[in-house]
Protein backbone atom coordinates (compact mmCIF):
# COMPACT_ATOMS: atom_id res chain seq x y z
CA MET A 1 11.81 8.46 2.10
CA LYS A 2 12.55 5.83 4.70
CA LYS A 3 9.38 4.14 5.90
CA SER A 4 8.64 2.77 9.29
CA TRP A 5 8.74 -0.99 9.63
CA CYS A 6 4.98 -1.54 10.02
CA TYR A 7 4.16 0.74 7.10
CA THR A 8 6.71 -0.94 4.85
CA LEU A 9 5.49 -4.40 5.77
CA PHE A 10 1.91 -3.55 4.89
CA THR A 11 2.50 -1.76 1.61
CA VAL A 12 4.96 -4.25 0.26
CA ALA A 13 2.88 -7.24 1.26
CA THR A 14 -0.30 -5.80 -0.16
CA LEU A 15 1.00 -4.53 -3.47
CA ALA A 16 3.32 -7.40 -4.19
CA ALA A 17 0.60 -10.01 -3.90
CA MET A 18 -2.52 -8.09 -4.84
CA SER A 19 -4.91 -9.21 -7.55
CA VAL A 20 -7.45 -6.98 -9.23
CA CYS A 21 -10.94 -7.70 -10.46
CA THR A 22 -11.31 -6.97 -14.16
CA ALA A 23 -14.91 -7.46 -15.21
CA ALA A 24 -15.74 -10.91 -13.79
CA THR A 25 -12.12 -12.06 -13.72
CA ILE A 26 -9.86 -12.05 -10.68
CA LEU A 27 -6.26 -12.90 -11.51
CA TYR A 28 -3.21 -13.59 -9.38
CA PRO A 29 0.42 -13.49 -10.62
CA VAL A 30 2.39 -16.75 -10.28
CA VAL A 31 5.80 -17.94 -11.39
CA VAL A 32 6.49 -21.45 -12.73
CA GLY A 33 9.95 -22.52 -13.80
CA GLY A 34 11.10 -18.94 -13.84
CA ARG A 35 8.27 -17.74 -16.12
CA TRP A 36 5.35 -15.62 -14.98
CA GLY A 37 1.66 -16.10 -15.66
CA PHE A 38 -1.69 -15.72 -13.88
CA VAL A 39 -4.19 -17.99 -12.14
CA ASN A 40 -7.78 -17.42 -11.11
CA LYS A 41 -9.35 -17.59 -7.68
CA SER A 42 -9.59 -21.38 -7.93
CA GLY A 43 -5.88 -21.72 -8.68
CA GLU A 44 -6.51 -22.58 -12.34
CA THR A 45 -4.09 -21.19 -14.91
CA VAL A 46 -5.73 -18.46 -16.99
CA ILE A 47 -2.63 -16.95 -18.59
CA ASN A 48 0.15 -19.44 -19.22
CA PRO A 49 3.56 -18.65 -17.73
CA GLN A 50 5.34 -16.82 -20.54
CA PHE A 51 6.65 -13.53 -19.18
CA ASP A 52 10.03 -12.65 -17.69
CA ARG A 53 8.10 -10.86 -14.96
CA ALA A 54 4.48 -9.96 -14.27
CA GLU A 55 2.91 -7.49 -11.88
CA ILE A 56 -0.59 -7.02 -10.54
CA PHE A 57 -3.60 -6.14 -12.67
CA ALA A 58 -5.06 -2.67 -12.28
CA GLU A 59 -7.86 -1.24 -14.37
CA GLY A 60 -7.76 -4.25 -16.68
CA LEU A 61 -4.05 -4.26 -17.47
CA ALA A 62 -0.94 -5.72 -15.86
CA PRO A 63 2.68 -4.70 -16.45
CA VAL A 64 4.59 -7.62 -17.96
CA LYS A 65 8.22 -7.94 -18.96
CA MET A 66 9.35 -9.51 -22.21
CA GLY A 67 12.85 -8.11 -22.47
CA ARG A 68 11.28 -4.70 -21.91
CA TRP A 69 8.06 -3.78 -20.13
CA GLY A 70 4.62 -3.68 -21.70
CA TYR A 71 1.08 -4.54 -20.59
CA ALA A 72 -1.14 -7.61 -20.90
CA ASP A 73 -4.93 -7.80 -20.67
CA ALA A 74 -6.94 -10.36 -18.68
CA ALA A 75 -6.95 -12.77 -21.65
CA GLY A 76 -3.15 -12.78 -21.72
CA LYS A 77 -2.99 -10.75 -24.93
CA VAL A 78 -0.25 -8.14 -25.13
CA ALA A 79 -2.28 -4.94 -25.14
CA ILE A 80 0.65 -2.50 -25.08
CA ASN A 81 3.85 -3.67 -26.75
CA PRO A 82 7.02 -4.01 -24.64
CA GLN A 83 8.90 -0.74 -25.07
CA PHE A 84 9.49 0.72 -21.61
CA ASP A 85 12.38 0.47 -19.17
CA LYS A 86 9.92 0.71 -16.28
CA ALA A 87 6.14 0.39 -16.16
CA GLY A 88 3.84 1.19 -13.26
CA ALA A 89 0.27 0.14 -12.55
CA PHE A 90 -2.64 2.04 -14.07
CA SER A 91 -4.45 4.41 -11.74
CA GLU A 92 -7.22 6.82 -12.71
CA GLY A 93 -6.73 5.89 -16.36
CA LEU A 94 -3.00 6.60 -16.60
CA ALA A 95 0.20 4.70 -15.85
CA PRO A 96 3.71 6.06 -15.20
CA VAL A 97 6.37 4.66 -17.55
CA LYS A 98 10.06 5.28 -18.04
CA LEU A 99 12.04 5.52 -21.26
CA GLY A 100 15.81 5.32 -21.21
CA GLY A 101 18.24 4.67 -18.42
CA GLY A 102 17.45 0.98 -18.08
CA GLY A 103 17.27 -0.25 -14.50
CA PRO A 104 15.00 -2.78 -12.80
CA GLY A 105 11.26 -2.84 -13.34
CA PRO A 106 8.53 -3.20 -10.72
CA PHE A 107 9.13 -6.84 -9.82
CA ASP A 108 12.92 -6.62 -9.90
CA ASP A 109 12.56 -4.50 -6.79
CA PRO A 110 10.29 -6.07 -4.14
CA ARG A 111 8.98 -2.69 -3.07
CA PRO A 112 5.85 -1.21 -4.64
CA TRP A 113 6.02 1.51 -7.26
CA THR A 114 6.78 4.68 -5.33
CA PRO A 115 8.37 7.99 -6.29
CA PHE A 116 11.35 7.22 -4.07
CA HIS A 117 12.99 4.44 -6.02
CA GLY A 118 11.50 4.65 -9.51
CA GLY A 119 14.11 7.05 -10.77
CA GLY A 120 17.84 6.88 -11.03
CA GLY A 121 20.05 5.72 -13.87
CA GLY A 122 18.89 8.39 -16.30
CA GLY A 123 15.84 8.23 -18.50
CA ARG A 124 12.61 10.18 -18.28
CA PHE A 125 9.13 9.41 -16.96
CA GLY A 126 5.81 10.14 -18.60
CA TYR A 127 2.24 8.77 -18.57
CA ILE A 128 0.33 6.58 -21.02
CA ASN A 129 -3.34 5.69 -21.44
CA PRO A 130 -4.70 2.12 -21.80
CA GLU A 131 -4.07 2.26 -25.56
CA GLY A 132 -0.39 2.86 -24.91
CA LYS A 133 -0.53 6.45 -26.16
CA TYR A 134 1.45 9.11 -24.35
CA ILE A 135 -0.89 11.54 -22.66
CA ILE A 136 2.02 13.22 -20.86
CA ASN A 137 5.33 12.94 -22.68
CA PRO A 138 8.45 11.63 -20.88
CA GLN A 139 10.01 14.65 -19.19
CA PHE A 140 10.28 13.94 -15.47
CA ASP A 141 13.18 12.64 -13.37
CA ASP A 142 10.73 10.44 -11.46
CA ALA A 143 6.97 9.98 -11.21
CA ALA A 144 4.29 8.39 -9.04
CA SER A 145 0.79 7.14 -9.81
CA PHE A 146 -2.23 9.43 -10.03
CA SER A 147 -4.48 9.86 -7.00
CA SER A 148 -7.18 12.49 -6.49
CA GLY A 149 -6.49 13.64 -10.04
CA LEU A 150 -2.88 14.55 -9.26
CA ALA A 151 0.49 12.82 -9.46
CA ALA A 152 3.75 13.58 -7.70
CA VAL A 153 6.58 14.19 -10.19
CA LYS A 154 10.20 15.15 -9.84
CA MET A 155 11.67 18.01 -11.84
CA GLY A 156 14.79 18.58 -9.81
CA ARG A 157 12.42 18.94 -6.88
CA TRP A 158 9.01 17.35 -6.31
CA GLY A 159 5.69 18.90 -7.25
CA PHE A 160 2.32 17.75 -8.59
CA ILE A 161 0.73 17.69 -12.05
CA ASP A 162 -2.81 17.12 -13.29
CA LYS A 163 -3.83 14.67 -16.01
CA THR A 164 -2.96 17.11 -18.78
CA GLY A 165 0.60 17.39 -17.48
CA LYS A 166 0.00 20.89 -16.12
CA VAL A 167 1.92 21.73 -12.97
CA VAL A 168 -0.65 22.53 -10.28
CA ILE A 169 1.66 22.47 -7.26
CA ASN A 170 5.07 23.90 -8.06
CA PRO A 171 8.18 21.76 -7.60
CA GLN A 172 9.40 22.78 -4.16
CA PHE A 173 9.59 19.64 -2.03
CA ASP A 174 12.49 17.36 -1.16
CA GLU A 175 10.07 14.42 -1.44
CA ALA A 176 6.37 13.94 -2.09
CA GLU A 177 3.94 11.02 -1.92
CA SER A 178 0.64 10.30 -3.64
CA PHE A 179 -2.54 11.78 -2.17
CA SER A 180 -4.55 9.77 0.33
CA GLU A 181 -7.82 11.04 1.80
CA GLY A 182 -7.16 14.47 0.29
CA LEU A 183 -3.68 14.99 1.74
CA ALA A 184 -0.18 14.07 0.59
CA VAL A 185 2.98 13.61 2.62
CA ILE A 186 5.74 16.06 1.66
CA LYS A 187 9.23 16.71 2.93
CA LEU A 188 10.62 20.21 3.12
CA GLY A 189 13.70 21.42 4.95
CA GLY A 190 14.33 17.99 6.39
CA ARG A 191 10.89 17.74 8.02
CA PHE A 192 7.65 16.07 6.96
CA GLY A 193 4.19 17.58 6.72
CA TYR A 194 1.11 17.47 4.49
CA THR A 195 -0.27 19.43 1.56
CA ASP A 196 -3.79 19.49 0.15
CA THR A 197 -4.64 19.26 -3.56
CA LYS A 198 -4.44 23.03 -3.95
CA GLY A 199 -0.92 23.20 -2.58
CA ASN A 200 -1.90 24.57 0.81
CA MET A 201 0.37 23.35 3.60
CA THR A 202 -2.42 21.88 5.72
CA ILE A 203 0.02 20.48 8.28
CA ASN A 204 3.35 22.29 8.38
CA PRO A 205 6.56 20.24 8.05
CA GLN A 206 7.49 19.37 11.62
CA PHE A 207 7.82 15.59 11.87
CA GLU A 208 10.84 13.31 11.59
CA ARG A 209 8.77 10.88 9.52
CA ALA A 210 5.18 10.77 8.29
CA GLN A 211 2.84 8.29 6.63
CA ALA A 212 -0.27 8.59 4.48
CA PHE A 213 -3.67 9.19 6.06
CA SER A 214 -5.97 6.22 6.57
CA GLU A 215 -9.32 6.40 8.36
CA ASN A 216 -8.62 10.09 9.10
CA LEU A 217 -5.43 9.39 11.04
CA ALA A 218 -1.78 9.31 10.02
CA ALA A 219 1.25 7.90 11.79
CA VAL A 220 4.01 10.45 12.44
CA ARG A 221 7.32 10.29 14.26
CA SER A 222 8.38 12.98 16.69
CA GLY A 223 11.14 12.78 19.28
CA GLY A 224 12.07 9.33 18.02
CA LYS A 225 8.62 7.87 18.76
CA TRP A 226 5.57 7.22 16.60
CA GLY A 227 2.09 8.54 17.28
CA PHE A 228 -0.89 9.68 15.20
CA VAL A 229 -2.30 13.02 14.05
CA ASP A 230 -5.68 14.03 12.65
CA LYS A 231 -6.15 16.10 9.49
CA THR A 232 -5.71 19.38 11.35
CA GLY A 233 -2.28 18.24 12.54
CA LYS A 234 -3.48 17.79 16.11
CA ILE A 235 -1.87 14.91 17.99
CA SER A 236 -4.56 12.25 18.40
CA ILE A 237 -2.37 9.50 19.88
CA ASN A 238 0.76 10.65 21.66
CA PRO A 239 4.12 9.53 20.21
CA GLN A 240 5.05 6.46 22.26
CA PHE A 241 5.69 3.59 19.86
CA GLU A 242 8.88 2.31 18.23
CA GLU A 243 6.97 1.64 14.99
CA ALA A 244 3.46 2.24 13.69
CA GLY A 245 1.37 1.26 10.67
CA SER A 246 -1.86 2.47 9.11
CA PHE A 247 -5.35 2.08 10.54
CA ALA A 248 -7.68 -0.39 8.82
CA LYS A 249 -11.13 -1.19 10.20
CA GLY A 250 -10.26 0.65 13.39
CA LEU A 251 -7.00 -1.19 14.15
CA ALA A 252 -3.38 -0.19 13.57
CA PRO A 253 -0.24 -2.28 14.14
CA VAL A 254 2.33 -0.74 16.50
CA ARG A 255 5.55 -1.86 18.09
CA GLN A 256 6.00 -1.28 21.80
CA GLY A 257 9.41 -2.39 22.95
CA LYS A 258 10.24 -5.60 21.13
CA ARG A 259 6.66 -6.76 20.52
CA CYS A 260 3.88 -5.72 18.16
CA GLY A 261 0.17 -5.46 18.83
CA TYR A 262 -2.83 -3.47 17.63
CA ILE A 263 -4.40 -0.27 18.94
CA ASN A 264 -7.73 1.45 18.34
CA PRO A 265 -8.14 5.16 17.38
CA ALA A 266 -8.12 6.07 21.07
CA GLY A 267 -4.61 4.64 21.36
CA SER A 268 -5.65 1.70 23.56
CA PHE A 269 -4.40 -1.81 22.85
CA VAL A 270 -7.09 -4.10 21.49
CA ILE A 271 -4.60 -6.87 20.77
CA ASN A 272 -1.73 -6.82 23.26
CA PRO A 273 1.87 -6.71 22.03
CA GLN A 274 2.89 -10.34 21.54
CA PHE A 275 4.13 -10.66 17.96
CA ASP A 276 7.60 -10.24 16.48
CA GLU A 277 6.06 -8.42 13.51
CA ALA A 278 2.55 -7.50 12.43
CA GLY A 279 0.84 -6.26 9.26
CA VAL A 280 -2.24 -4.13 8.68
CA PHE A 281 -5.66 -5.79 8.68
CA SER A 282 -7.22 -6.63 5.34
CA GLU A 283 -10.47 -8.54 4.82
CA GLY A 284 -10.69 -9.24 8.54
CA LEU A 285 -7.26 -10.82 8.92
CA ALA A 286 -3.72 -9.58 9.52
CA SER A 287 -0.40 -11.31 9.00
CA VAL A 288 1.74 -11.74 12.13
CA ARG A 289 5.11 -13.34 12.83
CA GLN A 290 5.88 -15.51 15.84
CA SER A 291 9.09 -17.48 16.38
CA GLY A 292 10.22 -16.76 12.84
CA ARG A 293 7.06 -17.96 11.10
CA TRP A 294 4.10 -16.07 9.68
CA GLY A 295 0.40 -16.73 10.25
CA PHE A 296 -2.82 -14.71 10.48
CA VAL A 297 -4.98 -13.36 13.30
CA ASP A 298 -8.52 -12.02 13.37
CA ALA A 299 -9.65 -8.73 14.93
CA SER A 300 -9.83 -10.33 18.37
CA GLY A 301 -6.19 -11.40 18.14
CA LYS A 302 -7.04 -15.08 17.73
CA LEU A 303 -4.72 -17.06 15.47
CA VAL A 304 -6.91 -18.37 12.67
CA ILE A 305 -4.03 -19.55 10.49
CA ASN A 306 -1.15 -20.90 12.54
CA PRO A 307 2.35 -19.46 11.95
CA GLN A 308 3.87 -21.70 9.28
CA PHE A 309 5.02 -19.49 6.40
CA ASP A 310 8.35 -17.87 5.59
CA GLU A 311 6.46 -14.79 4.38
CA ALA A 312 2.80 -13.78 4.21
CA ALA A 313 1.12 -10.93 2.34
CA ALA A 314 -2.19 -9.26 3.05
CA PHE A 315 -5.45 -10.86 1.96
CA THR A 316 -6.90 -9.43 -1.24
CA ASN A 317 -9.97 -10.78 -3.00
CA SER A 318 -10.13 -13.63 -0.46
CA LEU A 319 -6.60 -14.98 -1.03
CA ALA A 320 -3.20 -14.20 0.46
CA ARG A 321 0.15 -14.82 -1.15
CA VAL A 322 2.50 -16.81 1.08
CA LYS A 323 6.03 -18.15 0.83
CA SER A 324 7.09 -21.55 2.13
CA GLY A 325 10.35 -23.35 1.46
CA GLY A 326 11.43 -20.60 -0.91
CA ARG A 327 8.30 -21.01 -3.03
CA PHE A 328 5.21 -18.84 -3.40
CA GLY A 329 1.56 -19.90 -3.35
CA TYR A 330 -1.88 -18.63 -2.33
CA VAL A 331 -4.05 -19.60 0.65
CA ASP A 332 -7.66 -18.88 1.51
CA ALA A 333 -8.97 -17.55 4.84
CA SER A 334 -8.89 -21.04 6.36
CA GLY A 335 -5.20 -21.42 5.52
CA LYS A 336 -5.86 -23.98 2.80
CA TYR A 337 -3.69 -23.77 -0.29
CA VAL A 338 -5.66 -22.73 -3.36
CA TYR A 339 -2.47 -22.60 -5.40
CA ASN A 340 0.41 -24.73 -4.14
CA PRO A 341 3.81 -23.08 -3.75
CA THR A 342 5.91 -22.88 -6.90
CA ASN A 343 9.29 -21.31 -7.59
């Protein structure tokens, strides 16, 4: 499924740089000399760089690559031995993994784990628990993470299973996304709509593109323009934008003409279009690009971190991952480096 620019920017930035709190530990993936490890919120190394790749922590475990993919715990101990060709983040106690077919893992592709690029190249997907035991044996062409107790899986066509592996929504869709706020984006007959967890087509396929619900609104494209619908499918903000992202704290990034700004749920601009690109708000700040450089604005549109980075991800647990001079580091809300850029 091709995403709109604003949506893609937000999801990639957030998931690629996100850290997760496990007990009292907050860890952030870093790479030093081509090896991956983790630092804490103060920028101190907690897990020495030792992995070929490392992804974000979720529910106490992080996918790590050592030839093949396995999982490490917050102490850096290998909790699930490397044995998978792909390994996704844990969600609701289960993680999607792939056996056979080879192919890149999560960090070999800069996009987040989604059902639309996880497959390909043969192999089968299943789900494991935190002990590394298969709860649902590898049998699917592709698979997404669990949400609302269900996961989108591909068996020729896309449907949904529960945590026992039972099919609860029959494979019938061209594409399907994970559930968000009780609804999931599906594609059927070349058009996008939404299904609920019981398989009821809550919003019939009618849109050229559609995004997940956030704060009870979802961006949809109709007639070549993006607008927003509510959960009944009623148009809440008329299609009028070239691009649109998700609402967060009452603001959504949109592109009008060649510039991006932010609107409220009424569709009125709160921050006028003035940026080349703009991400979704997180922890009170949003990444924006001006004159080829990235910085951060607050909810009033004021630049609180001047544009200076090659790339900038969303803030998570008080830090944001940024790229400068081809190297990645982490900054705090004042723009100060907590972890200096490394390769």
